[in-house]
């Protein structure tokens, strides 16, 4: 068991770390506001640098499928990074690490099969 002073020291160090991180983020935001370029002109808010006003709506509508496929790609890509780190340290982890990586890979496959079953990966409807 940890003594009360050691536990308090750990909590205090974590609190100091969080406060320092937030303070650093706020400092960087303030610094970019102070040192950032500011320009004011009558053409600043015109759409396009040429000053030509568009005649049509220029916004493009993307299908939700595009964003779903992108999110699935990012999720599975990050999980592949975890498996890469596991493969580097396979000798240190032993059989326990292997069984945990096997369960992780199994959950990945189950998630992929679920996505295929609900037809989330089909581009055409």
C-alpha atoms as a PDB file:
ATOM      1  CA  UNK A   1       0.000   0.000   0.000  1.00  0.00           C
ATOM      2  CA  UNK A   2       1.063   3.535  -0.631  1.00  0.00           C
ATOM      3  CA  UNK A   3       1.416   5.829   2.316  1.00  0.00           C
ATOM      4  CA  UNK A   4      -0.668   8.966   2.463  1.00  0.00           C
ATOM      5  CA  UNK A   5       2.276  11.272   1.786  1.00  0.00           C
ATOM      6  CA  UNK A   6       3.397   9.290  -1.236  1.00  0.00           C
ATOM      7  CA  UNK A   7      -0.164   9.189  -2.575  1.00  0.00           C
ATOM      8  CA  UNK A   8      -0.514  12.926  -1.976  1.00  0.00           C
ATOM      9  CA  UNK A   9       2.800  13.524  -3.769  1.00  0.00           C
ATOM     10  CA  UNK A  10       1.632  11.528  -6.780  1.00  0.00           C
ATOM     11  CA  UNK A  11      -1.663  13.411  -6.958  1.00  0.00           C
ATOM     12  CA  UNK A  12       0.116  16.724  -6.523  1.00  0.00           C
ATOM     13  CA  UNK A  13       2.609  15.934  -9.286  1.00  0.00           C
ATOM     14  CA  UNK A  14      -0.221  14.947 -11.623  1.00  0.00           C
ATOM     15  CA  UNK A  15      -2.116  18.144 -10.773  1.00  0.00           C
ATOM     16  CA  UNK A  16       1.012  20.233 -11.398  1.00  0.00           C
ATOM     17  CA  UNK A  17       1.513  18.459 -14.743  1.00  0.00           C
ATOM     18  CA  UNK A  18      -2.080  19.164 -15.836  1.00  0.00           C
ATOM     19  CA  UNK A  19      -1.873  22.798 -14.729  1.00  0.00           C
ATOM     20  CA  UNK A  20       1.472  23.267 -16.490  1.00  0.00           C
ATOM     21  CA  UNK A  21       0.070  21.713 -19.694  1.00  0.00           C
ATOM     22  CA  UNK A  22      -3.009  23.932 -19.667  1.00  0.00           C
ATOM     23  CA  UNK A  23      -0.898  26.981 -18.859  1.00  0.00           C
ATOM     24  CA  UNK A  24       1.481  26.185 -21.689  1.00  0.00           C
ATOM     25  CA  UNK A  25      -1.425  25.808 -24.138  1.00  0.00           C
ATOM     26  CA  UNK A  26      -2.893  29.126 -23.040  1.00  0.00           C
ATOM     27  CA  UNK A  27       0.525  30.771 -23.288  1.00  0.00           C
ATOM     28  CA  UNK A  28       0.971  29.487 -26.859  1.00  0.00           C
ATOM     29  CA  UNK A  29      -2.497  30.746 -27.833  1.00  0.00           C
ATOM     30  CA  UNK A  30      -1.762  34.150 -26.307  1.00  0.00           C
ATOM     31  CA  UNK A  31       1.626  34.289 -28.027  1.00  0.00           C
ATOM     32  CA  UNK A  32       0.105  33.507 -31.419  1.00  0.00           C
ATOM     33  CA  UNK A  33      -2.532  36.197 -30.837  1.00  0.00           C
ATOM     34  CA  UNK A  34       0.121  38.779 -29.959  1.00  0.00           C
ATOM     35  CA  UNK A  35       2.675  37.890 -32.627  1.00  0.00           C
ATOM     36  CA  UNK A  36       0.241  36.813 -35.347  1.00  0.00           C
ATOM     37  CA  UNK A  37      -0.232  38.896 -38.433  1.00  0.00           C
ATOM     38  CA  UNK A  38      -3.170  41.222 -38.571  1.00  0.00           C
ATOM     39  CA  UNK A  39      -4.289  42.867 -41.752  1.00  0.00           C
ATOM     40  CA  UNK A  40      -7.278  45.097 -42.221  1.00  0.00           C
ATOM     41  CA  UNK A  41      -8.424  46.102 -45.655  1.00  0.00           C
ATOM     42  CA  UNK A  42     -11.665  46.463 -47.490  1.00  0.00           C
ATOM     43  CA  UNK A  43     -10.893  43.356 -49.549  1.00  0.00           C
ATOM     44  CA  UNK A  44     -10.187  41.186 -46.521  1.00  0.00           C
ATOM     45  CA  UNK A  45     -13.687  39.694 -46.392  1.00  0.00           C
ATOM     46  CA  UNK A  46     -14.299  39.342 -50.118  1.00  0.00           C
ATOM     47  CA  UNK A  47     -14.720  35.784 -51.330  1.00  0.00           C
ATOM     48  CA  UNK A  48     -11.625  35.092 -53.503  1.00  0.00           C
ATOM     49  CA  UNK A  49      -8.591  37.267 -53.781  1.00  0.00           C
ATOM     50  CA  UNK A  50      -9.667  38.558 -57.167  1.00  0.00           C
ATOM     51  CA  UNK A  51     -12.730  40.199 -55.657  1.00  0.00           C
ATOM     52  CA  UNK A  52     -15.135  38.419 -57.986  1.00  0.00           C
ATOM     53  CA  UNK A  53     -18.371  37.543 -56.256  1.00  0.00           C
ATOM     54  CA  UNK A  54     -19.428  33.921 -56.968  1.00  0.00           C
ATOM     55  CA  UNK A  55     -22.670  33.382 -58.814  1.00  0.00           C
ATOM     56  CA  UNK A  56     -23.537  29.922 -57.476  1.00  0.00           C
ATOM     57  CA  UNK A  57     -23.328  28.093 -54.206  1.00  0.00           C
ATOM     58  CA  UNK A  58     -19.798  26.705 -54.101  1.00  0.00           C
ATOM     59  CA  UNK A  59     -20.206  24.326 -51.177  1.00  0.00           C
ATOM     60  CA  UNK A  60     -19.824  20.658 -52.051  1.00  0.00           C
ATOM     61  CA  UNK A  61     -21.926  18.020 -50.368  1.00  0.00           C
ATOM     62  CA  UNK A  62     -20.108  14.817 -49.522  1.00  0.00           C
ATOM     63  CA  UNK A  63     -21.850  11.600 -48.672  1.00  0.00           C
ATOM     64  CA  UNK A  64     -21.770  10.433 -45.077  1.00  0.00           C
ATOM     65  CA  UNK A  65     -20.262   7.188 -46.378  1.00  0.00           C
ATOM     66  CA  UNK A  66     -17.089   9.078 -47.233  1.00  0.00           C
ATOM     67  CA  UNK A  67     -16.638  10.184 -43.625  1.00  0.00           C
ATOM     68  CA  UNK A  68     -17.507   6.738 -42.258  1.00  0.00           C
ATOM     69  CA  UNK A  69     -14.917   5.044 -44.446  1.00  0.00           C
ATOM     70  CA  UNK A  70     -12.339   7.664 -43.417  1.00  0.00           C
ATOM     71  CA  UNK A  71     -13.063   7.099 -39.713  1.00  0.00           C
ATOM     72  CA  UNK A  72     -12.892   3.323 -40.098  1.00  0.00           C
ATOM     73  CA  UNK A  73      -9.567   3.666 -41.879  1.00  0.00           C
ATOM     74  CA  UNK A  74      -8.125   5.822 -39.105  1.00  0.00           C
ATOM     75  CA  UNK A  75      -9.396   3.470 -36.398  1.00  0.00           C
ATOM     76  CA  UNK A  76      -7.943   0.353 -38.007  1.00  0.00           C
ATOM     77  CA  UNK A  77      -4.726   2.158 -38.918  1.00  0.00           C
ATOM     78  CA  UNK A  78      -4.120   3.205 -35.302  1.00  0.00           C
ATOM     79  CA  UNK A  79      -4.866  -0.315 -34.135  1.00  0.00           C
ATOM     80  CA  UNK A  80      -2.291  -1.600 -36.605  1.00  0.00           C
ATOM     81  CA  UNK A  81       0.238   0.702 -34.926  1.00  0.00           C
ATOM     82  CA  UNK A  82      -0.527  -0.980 -31.600  1.00  0.00           C
ATOM     83  CA  UNK A  83       0.164  -4.361 -33.173  1.00  0.00           C
ATOM     84  CA  UNK A  84       3.453  -3.043 -34.573  1.00  0.00           C
ATOM     85  CA  UNK A  85       4.578  -1.940 -31.118  1.00  0.00           C
ATOM     86  CA  UNK A  86       3.564  -5.323 -29.761  1.00  0.00           C
ATOM     87  CA  UNK A  87       5.588  -7.111 -32.445  1.00  0.00           C
ATOM     88  CA  UNK A  88       8.712  -5.161 -31.481  1.00  0.00           C
ATOM     89  CA  UNK A  89       8.482  -6.153 -27.819  1.00  0.00           C
ATOM     90  CA  UNK A  90       7.258  -9.715 -28.278  1.00  0.00           C
ATOM     91  CA  UNK A  91      10.213 -11.311 -26.461  1.00  0.00           C
ATOM     92  CA  UNK A  92       9.772  -9.162 -23.358  1.00  0.00           C
ATOM     93  CA  UNK A  93       6.020  -9.759 -23.169  1.00  0.00           C
ATOM     94  CA  UNK A  94       6.078 -13.528 -23.466  1.00  0.00           C
ATOM     95  CA  UNK A  95       2.978 -15.679 -23.732  1.00  0.00           C
ATOM     96  CA  UNK A  96       0.810 -13.296 -21.738  1.00  0.00           C
ATOM     97  CA  UNK A  97       1.545 -10.513 -24.209  1.00  0.00           C
ATOM     98  CA  UNK A  98       0.901 -12.903 -27.084  1.00  0.00           C
ATOM     99  CA  UNK A  99      -2.484 -13.921 -25.680  1.00  0.00           C
ATOM    100  CA  UNK A 100      -3.442 -10.265 -25.124  1.00  0.00           C
ATOM    101  CA  UNK A 101      -2.408  -9.373 -28.680  1.00  0.00           C
ATOM    102  CA  UNK A 102      -4.380 -12.374 -29.938  1.00  0.00           C
ATOM    103  CA  UNK A 103      -7.473 -11.145 -28.098  1.00  0.00           C
ATOM    104  CA  UNK A 104      -6.863  -7.648 -29.478  1.00  0.00           C
ATOM    105  CA  UNK A 105      -6.592  -9.008 -33.032  1.00  0.00           C
ATOM    106  CA  UNK A 106      -9.695 -11.114 -32.498  1.00  0.00           C
ATOM    107  CA  UNK A 107     -11.650  -8.054 -31.371  1.00  0.00           C
ATOM    108  CA  UNK A 108     -10.403  -6.231 -34.481  1.00  0.00           C
ATOM    109  CA  UNK A 109     -11.611  -9.048 -36.700  1.00  0.00           C
ATOM    110  CA  UNK A 110     -14.966  -9.181 -34.941  1.00  0.00           C
ATOM    111  CA  UNK A 111     -15.341  -5.433 -35.418  1.00  0.00           C
ATOM    112  CA  UNK A 112     -14.468  -5.766 -39.101  1.00  0.00           C
ATOM    113  CA  UNK A 113     -16.954  -8.609 -39.578  1.00  0.00           C
ATOM    114  CA  UNK A 114     -19.609  -6.522 -37.836  1.00  0.00           C
ATOM    115  CA  UNK A 115     -18.936  -3.603 -40.182  1.00  0.00           C
ATOM    116  CA  UNK A 116     -19.197  -5.941 -43.156  1.00  0.00           C
ATOM    117  CA  UNK A 117     -22.418  -7.465 -41.822  1.00  0.00           C
ATOM    118  CA  UNK A 118     -24.166  -4.130 -41.378  1.00  0.00           C
ATOM    119  CA  UNK A 119     -22.853  -3.082 -44.807  1.00  0.00           C
ATOM    120  CA  UNK A 120     -21.016  -0.051 -43.419  1.00  0.00           C
ATOM    121  CA  UNK A 121     -18.149  -0.574 -45.846  1.00  0.00           C
ATOM    122  CA  UNK A 122     -20.318  -0.741 -48.996  1.00  0.00           C
ATOM    123  CA  UNK A 123     -19.784   2.418 -50.979  1.00  0.00           C
ATOM    124  CA  UNK A 124     -22.787   1.999 -53.289  1.00  0.00           C
ATOM    125  CA  UNK A 125     -26.215   1.659 -51.734  1.00  0.00           C
END
